[in-house]
Amino acid sequence: MVNTKVTLCGIELDNPIIPASGTFGFGYEFAELYDINILGSLSFKGTTLEPRFGNPTPRIAECDSGMLNAVGLQNPGVDKVIEVELPKLRQVFKKPTMANVSGFSLDEYVETVRKLDTQEDIGWFEINISCPNVHGGGMSFGTSPEMAENVTRAVREVTKKPIIIKLSPNVTDIVSIAKACESGGADGISLINTLMGMRIDLKSKRPILANKTGGFSGPAIKPVAVRMIYQVYDAIKIPIVGMGGVSTAEDVIELMLAGATAVEVGAANLVNPYAARDIILDLPRVMEKYRINSLEEIIGGAH
């Protein structure tokens, strides 16, 4: 009997599979399709202090082996998330959840975390300093080690729950930024978020996305994710939540061998709403195929 359990920042998961923020709503929508308690956890939709309508449409563009999105952190704001969304999720999901938080200033990050910290079912905070689709915030914090450390320290002061900083791959030195987050008190690192991309419509001769650029995700970015996870694993002592192009149980094993403790599934959920469930159900078969008895034993196994 194989063991799929892993421990992320002191919290045990039945398996390492976590639907990625922005691809799974607030979770309860998927409970209409299957029992989402099969998941290790879930990272709910990126939450900001104030409500956000998001970017103008069109926001989505298809690509070979992936997709572009420029949704722009559309969400009802932290107060509505606490009052409306989390109670709905609580009715159908009985495990600790991951709260994905974005902001446009240090104060916004801090205040959003402070409010969400009161929710007992939140196990971890995933602090998104890597969103490429908003102007004046998001990724600007994740491209500088100093800024990344400042956000981490500020949030660290208002919660005792584990803080996982979500990093952008749109940088020249991912390792220095991960190390800065560790120095600032982070309990873990999430990587990678989407790569910057663009499509142009040949008929109109104009960018397809109203935002012009968007985040590129899907199977094509997996080699970048594997490389960055591998590099960061060698440089830090805190756990990594890996993501980027994951659509099969084999992909999960590959990211874990590179150094991931848990693995988020993103764009695959938009193609197949059962993707995360199917990966979990297939994990034992793939583990047996590659003679893996316990997933915890293979974390960083490629080093």
Protein backbone atom coordinates (compact mmCIF):
# COMPACT_ATOMS: atom_id res chain seq x y z
CA MET A 1 0.00 0.00 0.00
CA VAL A 2 1.58 3.29 -1.07
CA ASN A 3 1.58 6.37 1.18
CA THR A 4 0.50 9.62 -0.51
CA LYS A 5 0.58 11.74 2.69
CA VAL A 6 2.88 14.77 2.91
CA THR A 7 3.37 17.44 5.57
CA LEU A 8 3.34 21.08 4.47
CA CYS A 9 4.54 23.61 7.06
CA GLY A 10 3.49 21.34 9.91
CA ILE A 11 0.05 20.44 8.49
CA GLU A 12 -0.48 16.91 7.19
CA LEU A 13 -2.17 16.44 3.82
CA ASP A 14 -3.74 13.19 2.61
CA ASN A 15 -1.99 13.83 -0.70
CA PRO A 16 0.05 16.69 -2.19
CA ILE A 17 -2.57 17.87 -4.71
CA ILE A 18 -3.89 21.43 -4.32
CA PRO A 19 -5.96 23.20 -7.00
CA ALA A 20 -4.21 26.49 -7.75
CA SER A 21 -5.73 29.85 -6.93
CA GLY A 22 -7.70 31.40 -9.76
CA THR A 23 -8.50 28.06 -11.37
CA PHE A 24 -10.86 26.59 -8.77
CA GLY A 25 -13.04 29.53 -7.70
CA PHE A 26 -13.75 29.34 -3.98
CA GLY A 27 -13.93 25.54 -4.17
CA TYR A 28 -17.61 24.96 -3.47
CA GLU A 29 -18.43 25.31 -7.18
CA PHE A 30 -16.52 22.08 -7.84
CA ALA A 31 -18.29 20.28 -4.98
CA GLU A 32 -21.27 19.99 -7.33
CA LEU A 33 -19.13 17.72 -9.53
CA TYR A 34 -17.33 15.51 -6.98
CA ASP A 35 -16.42 15.26 -3.29
CA ILE A 36 -13.64 17.83 -3.03
CA ASN A 37 -12.52 16.37 0.30
CA ILE A 38 -10.39 14.02 -1.81
CA LEU A 39 -8.04 17.00 -2.33
CA GLY A 40 -4.97 17.58 -0.19
CA SER A 41 -6.16 21.17 0.17
CA LEU A 42 -7.21 24.00 -2.14
CA SER A 43 -5.97 27.53 -2.72
CA PHE A 44 -9.03 29.70 -3.10
CA LYS A 45 -9.44 32.63 -5.48
CA GLY A 46 -6.93 35.46 -5.04
CA THR A 47 -8.37 37.89 -2.48
CA THR A 48 -7.68 41.60 -2.17
CA LEU A 49 -8.70 44.14 0.46
CA GLU A 50 -11.27 45.84 -1.78
CA PRO A 51 -13.55 44.27 -4.42
CA ARG A 52 -12.04 44.09 -7.91
CA PHE A 53 -13.94 43.79 -11.18
CA GLY A 54 -10.76 42.72 -12.94
CA ASN A 55 -9.48 43.60 -16.39
CA PRO A 56 -11.62 44.41 -19.44
CA THR A 57 -12.50 41.57 -21.82
CA PRO A 58 -11.31 39.63 -23.72
CA ARG A 59 -9.27 38.13 -20.89
CA ILE A 60 -8.45 34.66 -22.26
CA ALA A 61 -6.48 33.58 -25.33
CA GLU A 62 -5.72 30.03 -26.39
CA CYS A 63 -2.16 29.01 -27.29
CA ASP A 64 -0.39 25.89 -28.41
CA SER A 65 0.17 23.75 -25.28
CA GLY A 66 -1.33 26.36 -22.97
CA MET A 67 -3.37 29.50 -22.52
CA LEU A 68 -3.06 33.20 -21.72
CA ASN A 69 -5.15 34.85 -19.06
CA ALA A 70 -5.44 38.45 -17.92
CA VAL A 71 -8.37 38.19 -15.52
CA GLY A 72 -6.83 40.77 -13.20
CA LEU A 73 -7.63 39.40 -9.74
CA GLN A 74 -11.41 39.71 -10.00
CA ASN A 75 -12.82 39.01 -6.53
CA PRO A 76 -15.49 40.37 -4.15
CA GLY A 77 -12.99 41.72 -1.59
CA VAL A 78 -11.92 40.22 1.73
CA ASP A 79 -15.03 41.18 3.72
CA LYS A 80 -17.38 39.43 1.27
CA VAL A 81 -15.02 36.45 1.09
CA ILE A 82 -15.31 36.08 4.87
CA GLU A 83 -19.07 36.73 4.98
CA VAL A 84 -20.23 34.83 1.89
CA GLU A 85 -17.63 32.65 0.19
CA LEU A 86 -15.91 30.89 3.09
CA PRO A 87 -19.17 29.81 4.78
CA LYS A 88 -20.22 28.17 1.49
CA LEU A 89 -16.87 26.39 1.23
CA ARG A 90 -17.06 25.31 4.87
CA GLN A 91 -20.27 23.40 4.15
CA VAL A 92 -18.58 21.12 1.60
CA PHE A 93 -14.87 21.06 2.54
CA LYS A 94 -13.65 19.87 5.94
CA LYS A 95 -9.88 20.34 5.60
CA PRO A 96 -7.59 23.35 6.13
CA THR A 97 -7.62 25.69 3.12
CA MET A 98 -4.97 27.94 1.63
CA ALA A 99 -5.86 31.64 1.45
CA ASN A 100 -4.33 33.33 -1.59
CA VAL A 101 -3.82 37.05 -0.88
CA SER A 102 -2.84 39.84 -3.28
CA GLY A 103 -2.32 43.55 -2.73
CA PHE A 104 -1.17 46.84 -4.19
CA SER A 105 0.69 48.07 -1.09
CA LEU A 106 2.22 46.62 2.05
CA ASP A 107 -0.73 47.93 4.05
CA GLU A 108 -3.21 46.11 1.80
CA TYR A 109 -1.40 42.79 2.16
CA VAL A 110 -1.24 43.24 5.93
CA GLU A 111 -4.87 44.24 6.40
CA THR A 112 -6.19 41.44 4.18
CA VAL A 113 -4.16 38.84 6.07
CA ARG A 114 -5.19 40.33 9.41
CA LYS A 115 -8.87 39.93 8.51
CA LEU A 116 -8.52 36.41 7.11
CA ASP A 117 -6.41 35.30 10.09
CA THR A 118 -9.59 35.09 12.18
CA GLN A 119 -10.90 32.22 10.02
CA GLU A 120 -10.07 28.93 11.76
CA ASP A 121 -10.28 26.80 8.62
CA ILE A 122 -7.47 28.72 6.90
CA GLY A 123 -4.34 26.64 7.36
CA TRP A 124 -1.85 28.62 5.29
CA PHE A 125 -1.53 32.00 3.62
CA GLU A 126 -0.27 31.99 0.03
CA ILE A 127 0.95 35.54 -0.51
CA ASN A 128 0.84 36.34 -4.20
CA ILE A 129 3.60 38.77 -5.11
CA SER A 130 3.68 37.50 -8.66
CA CYS A 131 0.49 38.37 -10.57
CA PRO A 132 1.51 39.61 -14.04
CA ASN A 133 -1.95 40.86 -15.01
CA VAL A 134 -2.48 43.93 -12.81
CA HIS A 135 -0.92 47.35 -13.05
CA GLY A 136 0.77 48.92 -10.05
CA GLY A 137 0.80 45.86 -7.82
CA GLY A 138 1.18 42.11 -7.76
CA MET A 139 4.33 41.22 -9.66
CA SER A 140 6.13 44.48 -8.83
CA PHE A 141 6.66 43.12 -5.31
CA GLY A 142 7.99 39.82 -6.61
CA THR A 143 10.74 41.06 -8.92
CA SER A 144 12.98 42.55 -6.20
CA PRO A 145 14.52 40.58 -3.30
CA GLU A 146 14.19 43.63 -1.06
CA MET A 147 10.51 44.17 -1.85
CA ALA A 148 9.78 40.46 -1.48
CA GLU A 149 11.42 40.42 1.93
CA ASN A 150 9.52 43.55 2.99
CA VAL A 151 6.15 42.02 2.12
CA THR A 152 7.06 38.81 3.94
CA ARG A 153 8.15 40.63 7.11
CA ALA A 154 5.05 42.83 7.12
CA VAL A 155 2.66 39.89 6.81
CA ARG A 156 4.65 37.82 9.31
CA GLU A 157 3.84 40.36 12.02
CA VAL A 158 0.07 39.85 11.80
CA THR A 159 -0.30 36.06 11.68
CA LYS A 160 1.17 32.98 13.32
CA LYS A 161 -0.14 30.77 10.53
CA PRO A 162 2.30 29.48 7.89
CA ILE A 163 3.13 32.01 5.17
CA ILE A 164 3.94 30.72 1.69
CA ILE A 165 5.16 33.36 -0.76
CA LYS A 166 4.12 32.85 -4.39
CA LEU A 167 6.90 33.94 -6.73
CA SER A 168 7.01 35.08 -10.33
CA PRO A 169 9.14 33.27 -12.93
CA ASN A 170 9.49 36.59 -14.81
CA VAL A 171 12.82 37.38 -13.14
CA THR A 172 16.48 36.79 -13.88
CA ASP A 173 17.38 35.33 -10.46
CA ILE A 174 14.62 33.35 -8.75
CA VAL A 175 17.00 32.03 -6.09
CA SER A 176 17.86 35.43 -4.60
CA ILE A 177 14.16 36.29 -4.27
CA ALA A 178 13.33 32.96 -2.62
CA LYS A 179 16.19 33.41 -0.16
CA ALA A 180 14.99 36.93 0.65
CA CYS A 181 11.53 35.58 1.47
CA GLU A 182 13.07 32.94 3.72
CA SER A 183 15.06 35.65 5.49
CA GLY A 184 11.86 37.66 5.94
CA GLY A 185 10.19 34.81 7.82
CA ALA A 186 8.41 32.84 5.10
CA ASP A 187 7.45 29.27 5.98
CA GLY A 188 7.37 28.15 2.34
CA ILE A 189 7.65 29.21 -1.30
CA SER A 190 5.12 28.69 -4.12
CA LEU A 191 6.47 28.59 -7.66
CA ILE A 192 5.99 29.17 -10.44
CA ASN A 193 3.23 31.60 -11.34
CA THR A 194 2.51 32.29 -15.02
CA LEU A 195 5.03 33.49 -17.59
CA MET A 196 4.37 36.75 -19.41
CA GLY A 197 2.97 36.16 -22.88
CA MET A 198 1.04 37.75 -25.73
CA ARG A 199 -1.02 36.81 -28.80
CA ILE A 200 -1.88 38.95 -31.84
CA ASP A 201 -4.98 38.42 -33.97
CA LEU A 202 -3.97 38.21 -37.64
CA LYS A 203 -7.29 39.57 -38.93
CA SER A 204 -7.47 42.68 -36.73
CA LYS A 205 -3.68 42.93 -36.44
CA ARG A 206 -4.14 43.80 -32.76
CA PRO A 207 -3.42 42.03 -29.45
CA ILE A 208 -6.10 39.46 -28.62
CA LEU A 209 -6.17 40.36 -24.92
CA ALA A 210 -7.60 43.75 -23.92
CA ASN A 211 -4.74 43.91 -21.41
CA LYS A 212 -2.34 43.21 -24.34
CA THR A 213 -0.22 40.82 -22.23
CA GLY A 214 -1.28 38.00 -19.96
CA GLY A 215 -0.05 35.08 -17.91
CA PHE A 216 0.95 32.02 -19.94
CA SER A 217 0.13 28.69 -18.28
CA GLY A 218 -0.34 25.09 -19.27
CA PRO A 219 1.86 22.10 -20.20
CA ALA A 220 4.39 24.24 -22.12
CA ILE A 221 5.69 25.92 -18.95
CA LYS A 222 6.43 22.73 -16.99
CA PRO A 223 10.17 22.58 -17.86
CA VAL A 224 10.56 26.13 -16.53
CA ALA A 225 8.78 25.13 -13.32
CA VAL A 226 10.96 22.04 -12.86
CA ARG A 227 14.12 24.08 -13.37
CA MET A 228 13.15 26.83 -10.92
CA ILE A 229 11.93 24.40 -8.24
CA TYR A 230 15.20 22.47 -8.59
CA GLN A 231 17.28 25.65 -8.24
CA VAL A 232 15.35 27.02 -5.26
CA TYR A 233 15.33 23.67 -3.42
CA ASP A 234 19.13 23.77 -3.30
CA ALA A 235 19.13 27.31 -1.86
CA ILE A 236 16.52 27.30 0.93
CA LYS A 237 15.50 25.13 3.87
CA ILE A 238 11.74 25.82 3.79
CA PRO A 239 9.30 23.72 1.72
CA ILE A 240 8.24 24.46 -1.85
CA VAL A 241 4.75 24.25 -3.32
CA GLY A 242 5.40 23.50 -6.97
CA MET A 243 3.17 24.28 -9.93
CA GLY A 244 3.34 24.99 -13.63
CA GLY A 245 1.94 22.78 -16.40
CA VAL A 246 0.83 19.94 -14.12
CA SER A 247 -1.85 17.76 -15.69
CA THR A 248 -0.89 14.17 -14.77
CA ALA A 249 0.28 12.14 -11.78
CA GLU A 250 3.63 11.76 -13.57
CA ASP A 251 3.98 15.56 -13.60
CA VAL A 252 3.42 15.58 -9.83
CA ILE A 253 6.20 13.05 -9.29
CA GLU A 254 8.56 15.08 -11.49
CA LEU A 255 7.98 18.31 -9.56
CA MET A 256 8.41 16.49 -6.25
CA LEU A 257 11.69 14.95 -7.39
CA ALA A 258 12.81 18.50 -8.26
CA GLY A 259 12.00 19.59 -4.71
CA ALA A 260 8.28 20.27 -4.26
CA THR A 261 6.54 19.10 -1.09
CA ALA A 262 3.05 19.78 -2.47
CA VAL A 263 1.90 20.40 -6.04
CA GLU A 264 -0.76 22.79 -7.33
CA VAL A 265 -2.85 22.06 -10.41
CA GLY A 266 -3.85 25.18 -12.34
CA ALA A 267 -4.79 25.47 -16.01
CA ALA A 268 -5.68 21.76 -16.19
CA ASN A 269 -8.77 22.52 -14.04
CA LEU A 270 -10.02 24.88 -16.75
CA VAL A 271 -9.70 22.18 -19.41
CA ASN A 272 -11.06 19.32 -17.29
CA PRO A 273 -12.90 20.18 -14.05
CA TYR A 274 -12.09 16.68 -12.76
CA ALA A 275 -8.33 17.10 -13.34
CA ALA A 276 -7.25 17.34 -9.69
CA ARG A 277 -9.45 14.40 -8.69
CA ASP A 278 -8.19 12.27 -11.57
CA ILE A 279 -4.55 12.99 -10.70
CA ILE A 280 -5.14 11.95 -7.08
CA LEU A 281 -6.86 8.72 -8.11
CA ASP A 282 -3.99 7.90 -10.49
CA LEU A 283 -1.16 8.65 -8.04
CA PRO A 284 -1.04 5.14 -6.45
CA ARG A 285 -0.70 3.49 -9.87
CA VAL A 286 2.13 5.79 -10.91
CA MET A 287 3.87 5.38 -7.55
CA GLU A 288 3.77 1.60 -7.91
CA LYS A 289 5.02 1.84 -11.50
CA TYR A 290 8.11 3.76 -10.36
CA ARG A 291 8.51 1.76 -7.12
CA ILE A 292 7.72 4.70 -4.85
CA ASN A 293 6.35 3.65 -1.46
CA SER A 294 6.00 7.09 0.11
CA LEU A 295 5.78 10.51 -1.55
CA GLU A 296 7.56 12.21 1.35
CA GLU A 297 10.63 10.08 0.60
CA ILE A 298 11.03 11.43 -2.95
CA ILE A 299 10.92 15.18 -2.20
CA GLY A 300 14.10 16.59 -3.77
CA GLY A 301 15.09 13.06 -4.80
CA ALA A 302 16.63 14.25 -8.10
CA HIS A 303 19.36 16.20 -6.27
